[in-house]
């Protein structure tokens, strides 16, 4: 896998350690919102590293934290992560159509929930992220609903400004 992959893993471990420390600080000060963000960010790192089980666990903890606090932003972010986890799981299921279908369906369900939660906030970037995630699910190998994916991409694009040239723009 080479030195680039080794460096990536090293950076991921370092980032996870920093997030762990941040989580301790947030817990010490009873800052559940910060703790929830730590969980979502750690979950994305685990997902990128291929650890879907840990990513799923972090997403569920973040969702439950958001639910407890009635924090729709955190709940939407957690559902976006859960959707990404389930989509990754669906793509791992070689030859097992039932498992692929179950995970892809969950990805769509979580993504729809993320959109609904985001709609109850004033956070346009969050809603754009949810639309992008739903578009990715629609365009997946399982669904191949490219027109629907285009519609979600268009809705997300309408919410992003020229100043949003970051990870959301890249995903779009």
Protein backbone atom coordinates (compact mmCIF):
# COMPACT_ATOMS: atom_id res chain seq x y z
CA UNK A 1 0.00 0.00 0.00
CA UNK A 2 3.02 2.20 0.27
CA UNK A 3 4.22 5.26 2.14
CA UNK A 4 1.25 7.46 1.17
CA UNK A 5 -1.19 5.01 2.75
CA UNK A 6 1.01 4.66 5.84
CA UNK A 7 1.09 8.45 6.19
CA UNK A 8 -2.68 8.61 5.78
CA UNK A 9 -3.16 6.05 8.55
CA UNK A 10 -0.74 7.95 10.79
CA UNK A 11 -2.65 11.21 10.22
CA UNK A 12 -5.95 9.45 10.87
CA UNK A 13 -4.67 8.01 14.16
CA UNK A 14 -3.39 11.45 15.18
CA UNK A 15 -6.70 13.07 14.31
CA UNK A 16 -8.63 10.43 16.25
CA UNK A 17 -6.38 10.99 19.27
CA UNK A 18 -7.00 14.75 19.10
CA UNK A 19 -10.73 14.12 18.84
CA UNK A 20 -10.55 11.78 21.83
CA UNK A 21 -8.87 14.55 23.86
CA UNK A 22 -11.44 17.08 22.66
CA UNK A 23 -14.19 14.67 23.72
CA UNK A 24 -12.68 14.47 27.20
CA UNK A 25 -12.60 18.27 27.46
CA UNK A 26 -16.21 18.58 26.26
CA UNK A 27 -17.30 15.87 28.73
CA UNK A 28 -15.48 17.63 31.56
CA UNK A 29 -17.43 20.81 30.82
CA UNK A 30 -20.72 18.99 30.07
CA UNK A 31 -20.78 20.34 26.52
CA UNK A 32 -22.89 17.69 24.76
CA UNK A 33 -22.96 19.58 21.45
CA UNK A 34 -19.19 19.49 21.25
CA UNK A 35 -19.15 15.86 22.31
CA UNK A 36 -21.63 15.07 19.55
CA UNK A 37 -19.50 16.83 16.95
CA UNK A 38 -16.49 14.85 18.11
CA UNK A 39 -18.47 11.63 17.58
CA UNK A 40 -19.57 12.62 14.06
CA UNK A 41 -16.06 13.69 13.04
CA UNK A 42 -14.49 10.55 14.50
CA UNK A 43 -17.14 8.49 12.73
CA UNK A 44 -16.19 10.02 9.38
CA UNK A 45 -12.53 9.23 10.02
CA UNK A 46 -13.38 5.63 10.90
CA UNK A 47 -15.51 5.34 7.77
CA UNK A 48 -12.72 6.72 5.59
CA UNK A 49 -10.38 4.16 7.18
CA UNK A 50 -12.78 1.34 6.34
CA UNK A 51 -14.00 0.68 9.89
CA UNK A 52 -17.73 0.78 9.22
CA UNK A 53 -18.61 -0.82 12.55
CA UNK A 54 -16.86 1.88 14.57
CA UNK A 55 -18.23 4.60 12.29
CA UNK A 56 -21.73 3.23 12.81
CA UNK A 57 -21.25 3.15 16.56
CA UNK A 58 -20.06 6.77 16.63
CA UNK A 59 -23.00 7.84 14.45
CA UNK A 60 -25.51 6.16 16.72
CA UNK A 61 -23.98 7.74 19.84
CA UNK A 62 -24.07 11.15 18.13
CA UNK A 63 -27.68 10.67 17.08
CA UNK A 64 -28.72 9.67 20.59
CA UNK A 65 -26.86 12.66 22.04
CA UNK A 66 -28.66 14.93 19.59
CA UNK A 67 -31.99 13.30 20.32
CA UNK A 68 -31.48 13.76 24.05
CA UNK A 69 -30.67 17.45 23.55
CA UNK A 70 -33.30 17.91 20.82
CA UNK A 71 -30.42 19.10 18.62
CA UNK A 72 -31.69 18.64 15.07
CA UNK A 73 -28.40 19.75 13.56
CA UNK A 74 -26.47 17.03 15.37
CA UNK A 75 -29.18 14.49 14.61
CA UNK A 76 -29.06 15.36 10.90
CA UNK A 77 -25.26 15.16 10.82
CA UNK A 78 -25.42 11.77 12.54
CA UNK A 79 -28.02 10.48 10.07
CA UNK A 80 -25.85 11.70 7.17
CA UNK A 81 -22.98 9.67 8.61
CA UNK A 82 -25.20 6.63 9.15
CA UNK A 83 -26.34 6.90 5.53
CA UNK A 84 -22.73 6.96 4.35
CA UNK A 85 -21.92 3.93 6.52
CA UNK A 86 -24.86 1.94 5.16
CA UNK A 87 -24.00 2.90 1.59
CA UNK A 88 -20.42 1.71 2.14
CA UNK A 89 -21.76 -1.53 3.59
CA UNK A 90 -24.05 -2.02 0.60
CA UNK A 91 -21.09 -1.65 -1.73
CA UNK A 92 -19.12 -4.27 0.25
CA UNK A 93 -21.78 -6.96 -0.24
CA UNK A 94 -20.47 -8.83 -3.27
CA UNK A 95 -23.02 -11.34 -4.52
CA UNK A 96 -25.38 -11.00 -1.54
CA UNK A 97 -28.33 -9.12 -3.02
CA UNK A 98 -30.45 -9.23 0.15
CA UNK A 99 -27.68 -7.68 2.27
CA UNK A 100 -26.94 -5.13 -0.45
CA UNK A 101 -30.61 -4.23 -0.65
CA UNK A 102 -30.97 -3.95 3.14
CA UNK A 103 -27.95 -1.65 3.51
CA UNK A 104 -28.84 0.49 0.47
CA UNK A 105 -32.41 0.88 1.72
CA UNK A 106 -31.12 1.92 5.14
CA UNK A 107 -28.78 4.42 3.47
CA UNK A 108 -31.74 6.00 1.68
CA UNK A 109 -33.86 5.98 4.85
CA UNK A 110 -31.15 7.63 6.95
CA UNK A 111 -30.51 10.15 4.20
CA UNK A 112 -34.20 11.05 4.00
CA UNK A 113 -34.25 11.49 7.79
CA UNK A 114 -31.19 13.75 7.57
CA UNK A 115 -33.00 15.93 5.03
CA UNK A 116 -36.14 16.13 7.15
CA UNK A 117 -34.14 17.05 10.26
CA UNK A 118 -32.09 19.64 8.35
CA UNK A 119 -35.27 21.24 7.01
CA UNK A 120 -36.25 22.08 10.59
CA UNK A 121 -33.14 24.21 11.01
CA UNK A 122 -31.98 27.41 9.37
CA UNK A 123 -28.67 25.79 8.41
CA UNK A 124 -28.50 25.86 4.59
CA UNK A 125 -25.13 24.10 4.51
CA UNK A 126 -26.54 21.25 6.59
CA UNK A 127 -29.48 20.88 4.21
CA UNK A 128 -27.13 21.03 1.22
CA UNK A 129 -25.02 18.29 2.81
CA UNK A 130 -28.13 16.16 3.32
CA UNK A 131 -29.21 16.69 -0.30
CA UNK A 132 -25.74 15.77 -1.53
CA UNK A 133 -25.77 12.62 0.59
CA UNK A 134 -29.19 11.63 -0.75
CA UNK A 135 -28.01 12.27 -4.29
CA UNK A 136 -25.02 9.99 -3.74
CA UNK A 137 -27.36 7.27 -2.49
CA UNK A 138 -29.65 7.73 -5.50
CA UNK A 139 -26.68 7.46 -7.89
CA UNK A 140 -25.26 4.38 -6.14
CA UNK A 141 -24.76 1.10 -7.97
CA UNK A 142 -27.80 -0.31 -6.22
CA UNK A 143 -30.33 2.42 -7.08
CA UNK A 144 -28.85 4.00 -10.24
CA UNK A 145 -31.50 6.75 -10.08
CA UNK A 146 -29.47 9.34 -11.90
CA UNK A 147 -32.28 11.81 -12.59
CA UNK A 148 -33.18 11.84 -8.90
CA UNK A 149 -29.50 12.29 -8.05
CA UNK A 150 -29.37 15.29 -10.39
CA UNK A 151 -32.41 16.82 -8.68
CA UNK A 152 -30.77 16.53 -5.26
CA UNK A 153 -27.53 17.95 -6.65
CA UNK A 154 -29.46 20.89 -8.07
CA UNK A 155 -31.20 21.51 -4.74
CA UNK A 156 -27.85 21.39 -2.93
CA UNK A 157 -26.22 23.69 -5.46
CA UNK A 158 -28.95 26.28 -4.98
CA UNK A 159 -28.11 26.41 -1.26
CA UNK A 160 -24.34 26.82 -1.64
CA UNK A 161 -22.68 30.13 -2.38
CA UNK A 162 -19.38 30.93 -4.04
CA UNK A 163 -17.84 31.01 -0.55
CA UNK A 164 -18.67 27.34 -0.07
CA UNK A 165 -15.72 26.01 -2.05
CA UNK A 166 -14.89 23.33 0.51
CA UNK A 167 -15.68 19.67 1.10
CA UNK A 168 -19.38 20.19 0.29
CA UNK A 169 -18.56 21.72 -3.08
CA UNK A 170 -16.18 18.82 -3.76
CA UNK A 171 -18.88 16.28 -2.84
CA UNK A 172 -21.38 18.08 -5.04
